[in-house]
Amino acid sequence: MIMLNIPIAQSLIYKIGEIPVVGILVQRDVFAVLIAPGFLTLLLYLYFIIWFERKITARVQWRIGPKEVSPKLGGILQVLADMLRYLHQEVIVHKDAKKWYFLQLPILSIIPVLLCLTLIPAGDVYAFRSQFAIPCILALISLLPLFVIAIGWSANNRFAYIGLIREAFMYVAYEIPLILSVIAMLILYQTGDIHEIVKRQSLPGVILNPLAFLSFLIATVMASGRIPFDISEADQEIAFGPYVEYSGIMFGFVMVIAYEKLYLLSLLMVILFFSGWKGVYLYALGDLSDVIWLMLKTLIVMCVIVITRAIYARYRIDQALKIGWGFMITISIASVALSGVIRWLS
């Protein structure tokens, strides 16, 4: 294993590396999985983006937003208060639920997320490198809607059934354009290795193939269940859809599935379309320079996407499917053709 290279704090890194158990955290591969862009960063981003979404939506709609907890800090501790509330609430399993599936599926849904994080690098900070990294990440992300469908089935509730059917329809509608837009970019880069993809972006992918970017962006909004595409939840219509029967910490687990998908797809968008971790190299930070650039770009993408909650009204299911099977499938196929023409001309 290779230790992190951070010139400004290298002596401290060596000292930490000598500490049993804790020392593994300064190894590049372990750091990538557990710290950044891995599990700890995922948790911090989940915390921030939930607060940011509430706050920016309130501001756009001329409301105040979270303020009861830590009002002088803009309500930043409100999310922490919600987490503590979930932990102390009773987890209720109603008599008609398929109990073991009902309890296990929300917890198991974190597995594809963690597997994705082992494949996503930040420069020299990575756990595994593979020429099939992008297809594997896409395949793992595609498993998350299946967990949502299974969660709705395990609840054995009519509102949950309506939600899971909507999720299934949406899944098919956005998944094909999403895959096609990724294929378009892989045709341009001629590799699925993330390091090579970032290296070969002399121009950001969004400039090379804007059609693929547009298709991927809309698919990301749909996949992450953000308004105007939170159709499977639609709390005003079907009382939170597949998750209607969940309470306590189990509700916390199912609530963050959409945000986990948002984080992973935002990382993938930055890698494919915004030159990954490329930026001004901060010599004093060494390996952390690439990590910071990747995380900063990803955070910006996530913040931009959640703003849609404040400015759009929810589509009906038929309208969303029309967008998926009409406009999106058209531009995603066009993006594949555009990539093919560019490769042929080059």
Protein backbone atom coordinates (compact mmCIF):
# COMPACT_ATOMS: atom_id res chain seq x y z
CA MET A 1 0.00 0.00 0.00
CA ILE A 2 1.16 3.54 -0.84
CA MET A 3 0.95 6.34 1.73
CA LEU A 4 -0.64 9.70 0.91
CA ASN A 5 1.72 12.35 -0.42
CA ILE A 6 0.86 15.70 1.21
CA PRO A 7 4.03 17.85 1.31
CA ILE A 8 2.57 20.43 3.71
CA ALA A 9 1.82 17.75 6.32
CA GLN A 10 4.02 14.81 5.32
CA SER A 11 5.68 14.45 8.73
CA LEU A 12 2.25 14.23 10.35
CA ILE A 13 1.18 11.64 7.75
CA TYR A 14 4.20 9.47 8.64
CA LYS A 15 3.38 9.71 12.35
CA ILE A 16 -0.25 8.75 11.77
CA GLY A 17 0.92 5.86 9.59
CA GLU A 18 2.83 4.42 12.56
CA ILE A 19 -0.30 4.23 14.72
CA PRO A 20 -1.87 0.73 14.70
CA VAL A 21 -5.24 0.50 12.90
CA VAL A 22 -5.57 4.29 12.52
CA GLY A 23 -2.48 4.28 10.32
CA ILE A 24 -4.28 2.56 7.45
CA LEU A 25 -6.39 5.70 6.93
CA VAL A 26 -3.40 7.50 5.38
CA GLN A 27 -2.91 4.75 2.80
CA ARG A 28 -4.13 5.94 -0.58
CA ASP A 29 -6.51 3.06 -1.29
CA VAL A 30 -8.10 3.04 2.16
CA PHE A 31 -8.34 6.84 2.17
CA ALA A 32 -10.11 6.75 -1.22
CA VAL A 33 -12.76 4.30 0.01
CA LEU A 34 -13.32 5.51 3.57
CA ILE A 35 -12.61 9.26 3.36
CA ALA A 36 -12.68 10.89 -0.11
CA PRO A 37 -14.29 10.42 -2.54
CA GLY A 38 -15.56 7.58 -0.37
CA PHE A 39 -17.84 6.99 2.57
CA LEU A 40 -17.07 9.97 4.85
CA THR A 41 -17.42 12.48 2.00
CA LEU A 42 -20.69 10.80 1.00
CA LEU A 43 -22.04 11.31 4.54
CA LEU A 44 -20.90 14.94 4.67
CA TYR A 45 -22.42 15.68 1.27
CA LEU A 46 -25.69 13.99 2.25
CA TYR A 47 -25.83 16.19 5.34
CA PHE A 48 -25.02 19.39 3.44
CA ILE A 49 -27.17 18.82 0.35
CA ILE A 50 -30.32 18.05 2.39
CA TRP A 51 -29.86 21.32 4.28
CA PHE A 52 -28.97 23.23 1.11
CA GLU A 53 -32.00 21.89 -0.77
CA ARG A 54 -34.36 22.97 2.00
CA LYS A 55 -32.73 26.37 2.34
CA ILE A 56 -32.44 27.29 -1.35
CA THR A 57 -35.99 26.10 -2.02
CA ALA A 58 -37.28 28.25 0.83
CA ARG A 59 -35.38 31.30 -0.40
CA VAL A 60 -36.58 30.96 -4.00
CA GLN A 61 -40.17 30.55 -2.80
CA TRP A 62 -39.88 33.48 -0.34
CA ARG A 63 -39.90 31.29 2.74
CA ILE A 64 -37.42 31.08 5.62
CA GLY A 65 -36.59 27.38 5.61
CA PRO A 66 -35.08 25.45 8.57
CA LYS A 67 -34.61 27.81 11.53
CA GLU A 68 -35.91 26.17 14.70
CA VAL A 69 -32.57 24.46 15.41
CA SER A 70 -29.49 26.73 15.35
CA PRO A 71 -31.29 29.79 13.86
CA LYS A 72 -28.12 31.91 14.05
CA LEU A 73 -26.32 29.35 11.86
CA GLY A 74 -29.07 29.28 9.24
CA GLY A 75 -30.56 26.07 10.58
CA ILE A 76 -27.52 23.99 9.63
CA LEU A 77 -28.05 21.73 12.68
CA GLN A 78 -31.64 20.95 11.67
CA VAL A 79 -30.49 17.92 9.65
CA LEU A 80 -28.57 16.62 12.68
CA ALA A 81 -31.68 17.06 14.81
CA ASP A 82 -33.69 15.09 12.25
CA MET A 83 -31.10 12.30 12.30
CA LEU A 84 -31.28 12.08 16.10
CA ARG A 85 -35.07 12.04 15.91
CA TYR A 86 -35.00 9.13 13.46
CA LEU A 87 -32.64 7.23 15.77
CA HIS A 88 -34.96 7.58 18.75
CA GLN A 89 -38.24 6.84 16.98
CA GLU A 90 -39.75 3.37 17.07
CA VAL A 91 -39.36 1.29 13.91
CA ILE A 92 -42.87 0.02 13.23
CA VAL A 93 -43.42 -3.04 11.05
CA HIS A 94 -47.11 -3.34 10.27
CA LYS A 95 -48.71 -6.78 10.31
CA ASP A 96 -49.17 -7.09 6.54
CA ALA A 97 -45.56 -6.24 5.64
CA LYS A 98 -43.12 -8.89 4.46
CA LYS A 99 -41.09 -8.37 7.62
CA TRP A 100 -37.58 -9.60 6.82
CA TYR A 101 -37.48 -7.98 3.39
CA PHE A 102 -39.04 -4.84 4.83
CA LEU A 103 -36.21 -4.49 7.37
CA GLN A 104 -33.28 -5.75 5.32
CA LEU A 105 -33.74 -4.01 1.96
CA PRO A 106 -33.12 -0.41 3.16
CA ILE A 107 -29.84 -1.51 4.78
CA LEU A 108 -28.73 -3.66 1.83
CA SER A 109 -29.30 -0.76 -0.57
CA ILE A 110 -26.05 0.81 0.67
CA ILE A 111 -23.99 -2.06 -0.81
CA PRO A 112 -24.06 -0.91 -4.49
CA VAL A 113 -23.16 2.60 -3.30
CA LEU A 114 -20.12 1.39 -1.38
CA LEU A 115 -19.00 -0.79 -4.30
CA CYS A 116 -19.20 2.24 -6.60
CA LEU A 117 -17.00 4.24 -4.24
CA THR A 118 -14.23 1.63 -4.50
CA LEU A 119 -14.06 2.24 -8.27
CA ILE A 120 -14.08 6.07 -8.29
CA PRO A 121 -10.61 7.65 -8.12
CA ALA A 122 -9.41 11.16 -7.40
CA GLY A 123 -6.11 11.32 -9.28
CA ASP A 124 -3.59 9.03 -7.59
CA VAL A 125 -5.97 8.41 -4.69
CA TYR A 126 -7.89 5.28 -5.64
CA ALA A 127 -8.63 1.74 -4.47
CA PHE A 128 -9.05 -0.15 -7.76
CA ARG A 129 -8.26 0.78 -11.33
CA SER A 130 -9.96 -0.96 -14.23
CA GLN A 131 -10.64 -0.32 -17.88
CA PHE A 132 -14.23 -1.36 -17.14
CA ALA A 133 -14.71 1.07 -14.24
CA ILE A 134 -17.37 3.24 -15.91
CA PRO A 135 -19.57 0.29 -17.06
CA CYS A 136 -19.28 -1.28 -13.60
CA ILE A 137 -20.25 1.95 -11.83
CA LEU A 138 -23.20 2.43 -14.16
CA ALA A 139 -24.34 -1.16 -13.59
CA LEU A 140 -24.15 -0.75 -9.79
CA ILE A 141 -26.07 2.55 -9.87
CA SER A 142 -28.72 0.83 -11.99
CA LEU A 143 -29.33 -1.62 -9.13
CA LEU A 144 -30.61 1.08 -6.76
CA PRO A 145 -34.04 1.49 -8.43
CA LEU A 146 -34.50 -2.27 -8.09
CA PHE A 147 -34.09 -1.88 -4.33
CA VAL A 148 -36.73 0.87 -4.36
CA ILE A 149 -39.11 -1.42 -6.25
CA ALA A 150 -38.44 -4.27 -3.82
CA ILE A 151 -38.92 -1.94 -0.84
CA GLY A 152 -42.34 -0.94 -2.15
CA TRP A 153 -43.26 -4.60 -2.66
CA SER A 154 -42.15 -5.56 0.86
CA ALA A 155 -44.35 -2.84 2.40
CA ASN A 156 -47.44 -4.60 1.00
CA ASN A 157 -49.42 -1.36 0.89
CA ARG A 158 -51.52 -0.03 -1.99
CA PHE A 159 -49.81 3.37 -1.96
CA ALA A 160 -46.42 1.66 -1.91
CA TYR A 161 -47.52 -0.48 -4.86
CA ILE A 162 -48.51 2.61 -6.84
CA GLY A 163 -45.12 4.13 -6.02
CA LEU A 164 -43.15 1.06 -7.06
CA ILE A 165 -45.05 0.83 -10.37
CA ARG A 166 -44.25 4.47 -11.05
CA GLU A 167 -40.59 3.84 -10.15
CA ALA A 168 -40.49 0.88 -12.55
CA PHE A 169 -41.93 2.97 -15.39
CA MET A 170 -39.50 5.82 -14.70
CA TYR A 171 -36.58 3.41 -14.40
CA VAL A 172 -37.07 2.11 -17.93
CA ALA A 173 -37.71 5.63 -19.29
CA TYR A 174 -34.47 7.23 -18.07
CA GLU A 175 -32.12 4.23 -17.93
CA ILE A 176 -31.79 3.76 -21.69
CA PRO A 177 -30.95 7.45 -22.42
CA LEU A 178 -28.53 7.42 -19.46
CA ILE A 179 -26.69 4.38 -20.77
CA LEU A 180 -26.66 5.71 -24.33
CA SER A 181 -25.19 9.05 -23.22
CA VAL A 182 -22.41 7.23 -21.35
CA ILE A 183 -21.77 5.03 -24.41
CA ALA A 184 -21.47 8.19 -26.51
CA MET A 185 -18.71 9.47 -24.25
CA LEU A 186 -16.92 6.13 -24.13
CA ILE A 187 -16.86 6.15 -27.94
CA LEU A 188 -15.08 9.50 -27.76
CA TYR A 189 -12.59 8.46 -25.10
CA GLN A 190 -12.12 4.88 -26.40
CA THR A 191 -11.78 3.55 -22.85
CA GLY A 192 -13.71 2.88 -19.67
CA ASP A 193 -10.68 3.60 -17.47
CA ILE A 194 -11.47 6.74 -15.46
CA HIS A 195 -7.85 7.87 -15.30
CA GLU A 196 -7.55 7.68 -19.09
CA ILE A 197 -10.90 9.44 -19.56
CA VAL A 198 -9.76 12.41 -17.46
CA LYS A 199 -6.33 12.41 -19.13
CA ARG A 200 -7.83 12.50 -22.64
CA GLN A 201 -10.13 15.47 -21.97
CA SER A 202 -8.12 18.21 -23.62
CA LEU A 203 -11.53 19.88 -23.82
CA PRO A 204 -14.27 19.09 -21.26
CA GLY A 205 -16.68 16.41 -22.44
CA VAL A 206 -19.59 18.87 -22.22
CA ILE A 207 -18.01 20.77 -25.13
CA LEU A 208 -17.12 17.66 -27.10
CA ASN A 209 -20.65 16.25 -26.98
CA PRO A 210 -23.27 18.63 -25.52
CA LEU A 211 -26.11 16.29 -26.58
CA ALA A 212 -24.76 13.51 -24.37
CA PHE A 213 -24.41 15.97 -21.50
CA LEU A 214 -28.01 17.18 -21.85
CA SER A 215 -29.32 13.62 -21.91
CA PHE A 216 -27.17 12.62 -18.92
CA LEU A 217 -28.21 15.72 -16.94
CA ILE A 218 -31.95 15.11 -17.38
CA ALA A 219 -31.49 11.39 -16.66
CA THR A 220 -29.63 12.29 -13.45
CA VAL A 221 -32.52 14.49 -12.28
CA MET A 222 -34.96 11.68 -13.06
CA ALA A 223 -32.81 8.95 -11.49
CA SER A 224 -32.26 10.89 -8.28
CA GLY A 225 -35.99 11.55 -7.87
CA ARG A 226 -35.64 15.30 -7.78
CA ILE A 227 -38.65 17.51 -8.56
CA PRO A 228 -40.07 17.67 -11.23
CA PHE A 229 -39.46 13.91 -11.40
CA ASP A 230 -40.20 12.79 -7.80
CA ILE A 231 -43.19 10.96 -9.25
CA SER A 232 -42.73 7.68 -7.40
CA GLU A 233 -42.85 9.48 -4.02
CA ALA A 234 -45.28 12.37 -4.72
CA ASP A 235 -46.22 12.94 -1.08
CA GLN A 236 -49.29 15.04 -1.99
CA GLU A 237 -50.68 12.16 -4.05
CA ILE A 238 -49.47 8.82 -2.70
CA ALA A 239 -48.02 9.72 0.71
CA PHE A 240 -44.34 9.06 -0.07
CA GLY A 241 -44.96 6.06 -2.31
CA PRO A 242 -42.70 3.03 -1.74
CA TYR A 243 -41.54 4.42 1.62
CA VAL A 244 -44.98 5.19 3.08
CA GLU A 245 -44.83 2.48 5.78
CA TYR A 246 -41.32 3.26 7.06
CA SER A 247 -40.56 5.03 10.33
CA GLY A 248 -37.59 5.79 12.53
CA ILE A 249 -34.08 5.02 11.33
CA MET A 250 -35.46 2.82 8.53
CA PHE A 251 -37.13 5.89 7.08
CA GLY A 252 -33.76 7.62 7.28
CA PHE A 253 -32.17 4.82 5.24
CA VAL A 254 -34.78 4.91 2.48
CA MET A 255 -34.90 8.71 2.37
CA VAL A 256 -31.18 9.02 1.49
CA ILE A 257 -31.27 6.51 -1.40
CA ALA A 258 -32.14 9.32 -3.82
CA TYR A 259 -29.32 11.49 -2.48
CA GLU A 260 -26.85 8.62 -2.77
CA LYS A 261 -27.77 8.26 -6.44
CA LEU A 262 -27.40 12.01 -6.85
CA TYR A 263 -23.88 11.90 -5.39
CA LEU A 264 -22.74 8.98 -7.55
CA LEU A 265 -24.23 10.35 -10.77
CA SER A 266 -22.77 13.79 -10.05
CA LEU A 267 -19.33 12.21 -9.64
CA LEU A 268 -19.83 10.37 -12.92
CA MET A 269 -20.97 13.58 -14.63
CA VAL A 270 -17.87 15.44 -13.44
CA ILE A 271 -15.62 12.64 -14.68
CA LEU A 272 -17.25 12.34 -18.11
CA PHE A 273 -18.11 15.97 -18.85
CA PHE A 274 -16.08 18.32 -16.63
CA SER A 275 -12.53 16.92 -16.79
CA GLY A 276 -12.72 15.08 -13.48
CA TRP A 277 -10.09 16.25 -11.00
CA LYS A 278 -8.26 18.50 -13.47
CA GLY A 279 -7.60 21.96 -12.07
CA VAL A 280 -4.82 24.20 -10.81
CA TYR A 281 -2.39 21.82 -9.08
CA LEU A 282 -1.89 22.79 -5.45
CA TYR A 283 1.64 21.52 -4.82
CA ALA A 284 1.53 21.94 -1.05
CA LEU A 285 -1.50 19.64 -0.85
CA GLY A 286 -0.08 16.92 -3.12
CA ASP A 287 -2.59 14.09 -3.47
CA LEU A 288 -5.31 16.18 -1.83
CA SER A 289 -5.20 18.67 -4.72
CA ASP A 290 -6.97 16.24 -7.07
CA VAL A 291 -9.36 15.18 -4.31
CA ILE A 292 -10.35 18.80 -3.61
CA TRP A 293 -10.98 19.62 -7.28
CA LEU A 294 -13.11 16.50 -7.82
CA MET A 295 -15.13 17.08 -4.65
CA LEU A 296 -15.62 20.79 -5.38
CA LYS A 297 -16.91 20.16 -8.91
CA THR A 298 -19.20 17.39 -7.64
CA LEU A 299 -20.65 19.63 -4.93
CA ILE A 300 -21.38 22.38 -7.46
CA VAL A 301 -23.16 19.90 -9.76
CA MET A 302 -25.26 18.57 -6.87
CA CYS A 303 -26.23 22.08 -5.75
CA VAL A 304 -27.29 23.06 -9.27
CA ILE A 305 -29.42 19.92 -9.66
CA VAL A 306 -31.30 20.30 -6.36
CA ILE A 307 -32.29 23.85 -7.31
CA THR A 308 -34.80 22.27 -9.74
CA ARG A 309 -36.93 21.50 -6.68
CA ALA A 310 -37.60 25.20 -6.24
CA ILE A 311 -38.42 26.21 -9.81
CA TYR A 312 -40.36 23.37 -11.42
CA ALA A 313 -43.73 21.78 -10.79
CA ARG A 314 -44.01 18.00 -10.74
CA TYR A 315 -44.77 16.26 -14.03
CA ARG A 316 -47.49 13.67 -14.33
CA ILE A 317 -46.26 10.14 -14.96
CA ASP A 318 -47.42 10.23 -18.60
CA GLN A 319 -45.59 13.53 -19.18
CA ALA A 320 -42.38 12.18 -17.67
CA LEU A 321 -42.55 9.00 -19.75
CA LYS A 322 -43.13 11.08 -22.87
CA ILE A 323 -39.95 13.02 -22.09
CA GLY A 324 -38.00 9.81 -21.47
CA TRP A 325 -39.21 7.86 -24.50
CA GLY A 326 -39.44 10.89 -26.78
CA PHE A 327 -37.06 13.79 -26.30
CA MET A 328 -34.39 12.00 -24.23
CA ILE A 329 -34.14 8.85 -26.32
CA THR A 330 -33.87 11.01 -29.44
CA ILE A 331 -31.03 13.20 -28.20
CA SER A 332 -29.19 10.25 -26.61
CA ILE A 333 -29.22 8.36 -29.92
CA ALA A 334 -28.12 11.57 -31.65
CA SER A 335 -25.28 11.90 -29.13
CA VAL A 336 -24.03 8.40 -30.00
CA ALA A 337 -24.14 9.32 -33.70
CA LEU A 338 -22.29 12.59 -32.99
CA SER A 339 -19.55 10.75 -31.11
CA GLY A 340 -19.24 8.27 -33.97
CA VAL A 341 -18.86 11.09 -36.51
CA ILE A 342 -16.24 12.85 -34.35
CA ARG A 343 -14.22 9.65 -33.99
CA TRP A 344 -14.49 8.97 -37.73
CA LEU A 345 -13.33 12.48 -38.63
CA SER A 346 -10.45 12.31 -36.20
